[in-house]
């Protein structure tokens, strides 16, 4: 494969990742105790890195709720056992889903206006 072909493949792969990111929505609500949000270098650890590098000895975290929404509006929702609609965690998760949908729509509308 030529260098030019590799470059085009890289561009296409990047565009595919961006498209998937723009067309799906994931909201994760967690609870628990995180003993530190600072790395050894003193920098704030990004929330996604806390989850990806979960260490049971440093954190006590559990998933309370998770929502995945596809572009065609197929939805997968998970709530921990025992959570009720009147629970604050449930309400906060639903609010996060709705505000994330609105923000996503705003970004897509902005892109549409710039491209048009």
N, C-alpha and C. Protein backbone atom coordinates (compact mmCIF):
# COMPACT_ATOMS: atom_id res chain seq x y z
N UNK A 1 0.85 -1.17 0.00
CA UNK A 1 0.00 0.00 0.00
C UNK A 1 0.90 1.24 0.00
N UNK A 2 0.60 2.16 -0.89
CA UNK A 2 1.42 3.38 -1.02
C UNK A 2 1.16 4.32 0.15
N UNK A 3 2.06 5.28 0.32
CA UNK A 3 1.92 6.28 1.39
C UNK A 3 0.64 7.09 1.19
N UNK A 4 0.33 7.41 -0.06
CA UNK A 4 -0.89 8.17 -0.35
C UNK A 4 -2.14 7.37 0.02
N UNK A 5 -2.13 6.07 -0.31
CA UNK A 5 -3.26 5.21 0.04
C UNK A 5 -3.43 5.12 1.55
N UNK A 6 -2.32 5.02 2.26
CA UNK A 6 -2.38 4.97 3.72
C UNK A 6 -2.95 6.26 4.29
N UNK A 7 -2.57 7.38 3.70
CA UNK A 7 -3.07 8.68 4.15
C UNK A 7 -4.57 8.78 3.93
N UNK A 8 -5.04 8.38 2.74
CA UNK A 8 -6.47 8.39 2.46
C UNK A 8 -7.23 7.45 3.41
N UNK A 9 -6.66 6.29 3.66
CA UNK A 9 -7.29 5.34 4.57
C UNK A 9 -7.40 5.94 5.97
N UNK A 10 -6.37 6.63 6.40
CA UNK A 10 -6.37 7.29 7.70
C UNK A 10 -7.46 8.36 7.77
N UNK A 11 -7.59 9.14 6.70
CA UNK A 11 -8.62 10.19 6.65
C UNK A 11 -10.01 9.58 6.71
N UNK A 12 -10.24 8.53 5.92
CA UNK A 12 -11.55 7.86 5.90
C UNK A 12 -11.87 7.28 7.27
N UNK A 13 -10.89 6.63 7.90
CA UNK A 13 -11.11 6.07 9.23
C UNK A 13 -11.46 7.16 10.24
N UNK A 14 -10.78 8.29 10.16
CA UNK A 14 -11.07 9.41 11.04
C UNK A 14 -12.48 9.95 10.82
N UNK A 15 -12.88 10.03 9.56
CA UNK A 15 -14.24 10.50 9.24
C UNK A 15 -15.29 9.52 9.75
N UNK A 16 -15.01 8.23 9.63
CA UNK A 16 -15.96 7.22 10.13
C UNK A 16 -16.13 7.34 11.64
N UNK A 17 -15.03 7.54 12.36
CA UNK A 17 -15.11 7.70 13.81
C UNK A 17 -15.90 8.95 14.17
N UNK A 18 -15.67 10.04 13.45
CA UNK A 18 -16.40 11.28 13.71
C UNK A 18 -17.88 11.10 13.42
N UNK A 19 -18.20 10.40 12.34
CA UNK A 19 -19.60 10.16 11.99
C UNK A 19 -20.30 9.35 13.07
N UNK A 20 -19.66 8.31 13.55
CA UNK A 20 -20.24 7.50 14.62
C UNK A 20 -20.42 8.35 15.86
N UNK A 21 -19.44 9.20 16.18
CA UNK A 21 -19.54 10.06 17.35
C UNK A 21 -20.70 11.03 17.23
N UNK A 22 -20.92 11.59 16.05
CA UNK A 22 -22.00 12.55 15.84
C UNK A 22 -23.37 11.88 15.75
N UNK A 23 -23.42 10.61 15.42
CA UNK A 23 -24.71 9.97 15.20
C UNK A 23 -25.16 9.09 16.35
N UNK A 24 -24.36 8.97 17.38
CA UNK A 24 -24.76 8.20 18.55
C UNK A 24 -24.61 9.08 19.79
N UNK A 25 -25.34 8.71 20.81
CA UNK A 25 -25.29 9.45 22.07
C UNK A 25 -25.23 8.44 23.20
N UNK A 26 -24.27 8.60 24.08
CA UNK A 26 -24.15 7.74 25.26
C UNK A 26 -24.13 8.61 26.50
N UNK A 27 -24.98 8.28 27.47
CA UNK A 27 -24.99 8.98 28.75
C UNK A 27 -24.81 7.91 29.82
N UNK A 28 -23.82 8.11 30.67
CA UNK A 28 -23.49 7.17 31.73
C UNK A 28 -23.57 7.90 33.06
N UNK A 29 -24.37 7.39 33.96
CA UNK A 29 -24.49 7.97 35.30
C UNK A 29 -23.89 6.97 36.28
N UNK A 30 -22.89 7.43 37.03
CA UNK A 30 -22.22 6.57 37.99
C UNK A 30 -22.33 7.19 39.38
N UNK A 31 -22.14 6.37 40.38
CA UNK A 31 -22.10 6.87 41.75
C UNK A 31 -20.98 6.14 42.48
N UNK A 32 -20.64 6.63 43.63
CA UNK A 32 -19.62 5.97 44.43
C UNK A 32 -18.62 6.96 44.98
N UNK A 33 -17.47 6.45 45.31
CA UNK A 33 -16.41 7.27 45.89
C UNK A 33 -15.15 7.16 45.05
N UNK A 34 -14.64 8.32 44.66
CA UNK A 34 -13.38 8.37 43.94
C UNK A 34 -12.40 9.04 44.89
N UNK A 35 -11.35 8.34 45.24
CA UNK A 35 -10.43 8.86 46.24
C UNK A 35 -9.57 10.01 45.74
N UNK A 36 -9.38 10.09 44.43
CA UNK A 36 -8.60 11.19 43.88
C UNK A 36 -8.98 11.44 42.44
N UNK A 37 -9.00 12.71 42.07
CA UNK A 37 -9.23 13.06 40.67
C UNK A 37 -7.96 13.64 40.07
N UNK A 38 -6.86 13.49 40.81
CA UNK A 38 -5.57 13.99 40.33
C UNK A 38 -4.65 12.84 39.98
N UNK A 39 -3.92 13.00 38.90
CA UNK A 39 -2.92 12.00 38.52
C UNK A 39 -1.68 12.19 39.38
N UNK A 40 -0.73 11.31 39.24
CA UNK A 40 0.53 11.43 39.97
C UNK A 40 1.26 12.72 39.63
N UNK A 41 1.00 13.22 38.40
CA UNK A 41 1.64 14.46 37.95
C UNK A 41 0.88 15.70 38.43
N UNK A 42 -0.24 15.50 39.14
CA UNK A 42 -1.02 16.62 39.65
C UNK A 42 -2.03 17.18 38.68
N UNK A 43 -2.26 16.49 37.57
CA UNK A 43 -3.25 16.93 36.60
C UNK A 43 -4.59 16.27 36.89
N UNK A 44 -5.69 16.97 36.56
CA UNK A 44 -7.01 16.40 36.76
C UNK A 44 -7.23 15.27 35.77
N UNK A 45 -7.71 14.15 36.28
CA UNK A 45 -7.99 12.97 35.45
C UNK A 45 -9.35 13.16 34.79
N UNK A 46 -9.41 12.96 33.48
CA UNK A 46 -10.68 13.08 32.77
C UNK A 46 -11.62 11.97 33.23
N UNK A 47 -12.93 12.27 33.35
CA UNK A 47 -13.87 11.24 33.80
C UNK A 47 -13.82 9.96 32.98
N UNK A 48 -13.69 10.08 31.66
CA UNK A 48 -13.64 8.88 30.83
C UNK A 48 -12.41 8.04 31.17
N UNK A 49 -11.30 8.69 31.52
CA UNK A 49 -10.10 7.94 31.90
C UNK A 49 -10.28 7.24 33.24
N UNK A 50 -11.05 7.86 34.15
CA UNK A 50 -11.35 7.19 35.42
C UNK A 50 -12.09 5.88 35.17
N UNK A 51 -13.01 5.91 34.22
CA UNK A 51 -13.80 4.72 33.92
C UNK A 51 -12.96 3.69 33.17
N UNK A 52 -12.21 4.16 32.15
CA UNK A 52 -11.40 3.24 31.36
C UNK A 52 -10.31 2.56 32.19
N UNK A 53 -9.79 3.30 33.17
CA UNK A 53 -8.70 2.77 34.00
C UNK A 53 -9.19 2.46 35.40
N UNK A 54 -10.43 2.00 35.50
CA UNK A 54 -11.06 1.70 36.78
C UNK A 54 -10.18 0.78 37.61
N UNK A 55 -9.96 1.18 38.84
CA UNK A 55 -9.17 0.40 39.77
C UNK A 55 -9.98 0.25 41.05
N UNK A 56 -10.43 -0.96 41.32
CA UNK A 56 -11.31 -1.21 42.47
C UNK A 56 -10.66 -0.82 43.79
N UNK A 57 -9.33 -0.77 43.86
CA UNK A 57 -8.66 -0.38 45.10
C UNK A 57 -8.66 1.13 45.30
N UNK A 58 -8.78 1.90 44.22
CA UNK A 58 -8.76 3.35 44.32
C UNK A 58 -10.15 3.98 44.26
N UNK A 59 -11.11 3.23 43.77
CA UNK A 59 -12.45 3.78 43.60
C UNK A 59 -13.50 2.76 44.01
N UNK A 60 -14.65 3.28 44.35
CA UNK A 60 -15.81 2.46 44.65
C UNK A 60 -16.93 3.04 43.81
N UNK A 61 -17.00 2.63 42.55
CA UNK A 61 -17.91 3.23 41.59
C UNK A 61 -18.85 2.16 41.05
N UNK A 62 -20.10 2.55 40.88
CA UNK A 62 -21.04 1.63 40.23
C UNK A 62 -21.87 2.41 39.22
N UNK A 63 -22.30 1.68 38.20
CA UNK A 63 -23.14 2.29 37.17
C UNK A 63 -24.56 2.34 37.70
N UNK A 64 -25.12 3.54 37.72
CA UNK A 64 -26.51 3.74 38.14
C UNK A 64 -27.45 3.65 36.94
N UNK A 65 -27.00 4.25 35.82
CA UNK A 65 -27.84 4.26 34.62
C UNK A 65 -26.95 4.46 33.40
N UNK A 66 -27.40 3.92 32.28
CA UNK A 66 -26.69 4.07 31.02
C UNK A 66 -27.73 4.15 29.91
N UNK A 67 -27.58 5.13 29.02
CA UNK A 67 -28.48 5.28 27.88
C UNK A 67 -27.64 5.41 26.62
N UNK A 68 -28.02 4.64 25.60
CA UNK A 68 -27.38 4.71 24.29
C UNK A 68 -28.48 5.01 23.28
N UNK A 69 -28.27 6.06 22.46
CA UNK A 69 -29.24 6.45 21.44
C UNK A 69 -28.54 6.46 20.09
N UNK A 70 -29.08 5.68 19.13
CA UNK A 70 -28.56 5.68 17.76
C UNK A 70 -29.19 6.80 16.96
N UNK A 71 -28.60 7.10 15.81
CA UNK A 71 -29.09 8.15 14.92
C UNK A 71 -30.56 7.94 14.55
N UNK A 72 -30.94 6.69 14.33
CA UNK A 72 -32.34 6.40 13.96
C UNK A 72 -33.25 6.32 15.19
N UNK A 73 -32.74 6.75 16.33
CA UNK A 73 -33.46 6.83 17.60
C UNK A 73 -33.73 5.49 18.25
N UNK A 74 -33.03 4.44 17.84
CA UNK A 74 -33.06 3.20 18.61
C UNK A 74 -32.38 3.50 19.95
N UNK A 75 -32.99 3.06 21.03
CA UNK A 75 -32.50 3.41 22.36
C UNK A 75 -32.30 2.14 23.18
N UNK A 76 -31.19 2.12 23.90
CA UNK A 76 -30.94 1.08 24.91
C UNK A 76 -30.77 1.81 26.23
N UNK A 77 -31.55 1.42 27.23
CA UNK A 77 -31.41 2.04 28.55
C UNK A 77 -31.21 0.96 29.59
N UNK A 78 -30.33 1.27 30.53
CA UNK A 78 -30.05 0.39 31.66
C UNK A 78 -30.17 1.21 32.93
N UNK A 79 -30.84 0.65 33.92
CA UNK A 79 -30.88 1.24 35.25
C UNK A 79 -30.55 0.15 36.25
N UNK A 80 -29.82 0.50 37.28
CA UNK A 80 -29.48 -0.50 38.30
C UNK A 80 -30.76 -1.03 38.93
N UNK A 81 -30.69 -2.23 39.46
CA UNK A 81 -31.84 -2.81 40.14
C UNK A 81 -32.28 -1.91 41.28
N UNK A 82 -33.58 -1.74 41.39
CA UNK A 82 -34.14 -0.99 42.50
C UNK A 82 -34.33 0.50 42.27
N UNK A 83 -33.78 1.05 41.19
CA UNK A 83 -33.94 2.48 40.95
C UNK A 83 -35.38 2.75 40.52
N UNK A 84 -35.94 3.81 41.05
CA UNK A 84 -37.33 4.18 40.78
C UNK A 84 -37.39 5.52 40.06
N UNK A 85 -38.48 5.76 39.32
CA UNK A 85 -38.63 7.02 38.59
C UNK A 85 -38.58 8.23 39.50
N UNK A 86 -38.99 8.09 40.73
CA UNK A 86 -38.97 9.23 41.66
C UNK A 86 -37.59 9.46 42.30
N UNK A 87 -36.65 8.56 42.08
CA UNK A 87 -35.30 8.72 42.63
C UNK A 87 -34.57 9.87 41.94
N UNK A 88 -33.81 10.64 42.71
CA UNK A 88 -33.06 11.76 42.17
C UNK A 88 -32.08 11.30 41.09
N UNK A 89 -31.45 10.16 41.28
CA UNK A 89 -30.50 9.65 40.28
C UNK A 89 -31.19 9.41 38.95
N UNK A 90 -32.37 8.83 38.99
CA UNK A 90 -33.15 8.58 37.77
C UNK A 90 -33.46 9.90 37.07
N UNK A 91 -33.95 10.86 37.84
CA UNK A 91 -34.32 12.16 37.28
C UNK A 91 -33.11 12.88 36.69
N UNK A 92 -31.99 12.85 37.41
CA UNK A 92 -30.77 13.50 36.90
C UNK A 92 -30.27 12.84 35.63
N UNK A 93 -30.36 11.52 35.58
CA UNK A 93 -29.92 10.81 34.36
C UNK A 93 -30.80 11.20 33.18
N UNK A 94 -32.11 11.21 33.38
CA UNK A 94 -33.02 11.58 32.30
C UNK A 94 -32.77 13.02 31.83
N UNK A 95 -32.51 13.93 32.78
CA UNK A 95 -32.19 15.31 32.41
C UNK A 95 -30.90 15.37 31.60
N UNK A 96 -29.92 14.56 31.97
CA UNK A 96 -28.66 14.54 31.23
C UNK A 96 -28.87 14.02 29.81
N UNK A 97 -29.72 13.02 29.66
CA UNK A 97 -30.03 12.49 28.33
C UNK A 97 -30.67 13.57 27.48
N UNK A 98 -31.67 14.25 28.03
CA UNK A 98 -32.38 15.29 27.27
C UNK A 98 -31.48 16.47 26.93
N UNK A 99 -30.66 16.91 27.87
CA UNK A 99 -29.76 18.03 27.57
C UNK A 99 -28.68 17.63 26.57
N UNK A 100 -28.25 16.37 26.61
CA UNK A 100 -27.27 15.89 25.64
C UNK A 100 -27.87 15.81 24.25
N UNK A 101 -29.13 15.39 24.15
CA UNK A 101 -29.82 15.37 22.86
C UNK A 101 -29.92 16.79 22.30
N UNK A 102 -30.28 17.74 23.15
CA UNK A 102 -30.42 19.13 22.70
C UNK A 102 -29.07 19.70 22.26
N UNK A 103 -28.03 19.41 23.01
CA UNK A 103 -26.69 19.89 22.64
C UNK A 103 -26.24 19.27 21.33
N UNK A 104 -26.47 17.98 21.15
CA UNK A 104 -26.11 17.29 19.91
C UNK A 104 -26.83 17.91 18.73
N UNK A 105 -28.13 18.18 18.89
CA UNK A 105 -28.91 18.81 17.84
C UNK A 105 -28.35 20.20 17.51
N UNK A 106 -27.94 20.94 18.52
CA UNK A 106 -27.35 22.25 18.30
C UNK A 106 -26.07 22.18 17.49
N UNK A 107 -25.22 21.22 17.80
CA UNK A 107 -23.96 21.05 17.06
C UNK A 107 -24.25 20.67 15.62
N UNK A 108 -25.16 19.73 15.42
CA UNK A 108 -25.49 19.30 14.05
C UNK A 108 -26.13 20.44 13.26
N UNK A 109 -26.96 21.26 13.89
CA UNK A 109 -27.57 22.41 13.22
C UNK A 109 -26.49 23.42 12.84
N UNK A 110 -25.54 23.65 13.72
CA UNK A 110 -24.44 24.56 13.43
C UNK A 110 -23.63 24.07 12.24
N UNK A 111 -23.30 22.79 12.22
CA UNK A 111 -22.53 22.22 11.11
C UNK A 111 -23.30 22.36 9.80
N UNK A 112 -24.61 22.09 9.86
CA UNK A 112 -25.45 22.22 8.66
C UNK A 112 -25.42 23.65 8.14
N UNK A 113 -25.51 24.64 9.03
CA UNK A 113 -25.50 26.04 8.61
C UNK A 113 -24.15 26.44 8.03
N UNK A 114 -23.08 25.94 8.58
CA UNK A 114 -21.73 26.26 8.08
C UNK A 114 -21.53 25.65 6.70
N UNK A 115 -21.98 24.42 6.52
CA UNK A 115 -21.79 23.72 5.25
C UNK A 115 -22.69 24.27 4.16
N UNK A 116 -23.89 24.72 4.52
CA UNK A 116 -24.87 25.22 3.51
C UNK A 116 -24.42 26.49 2.85
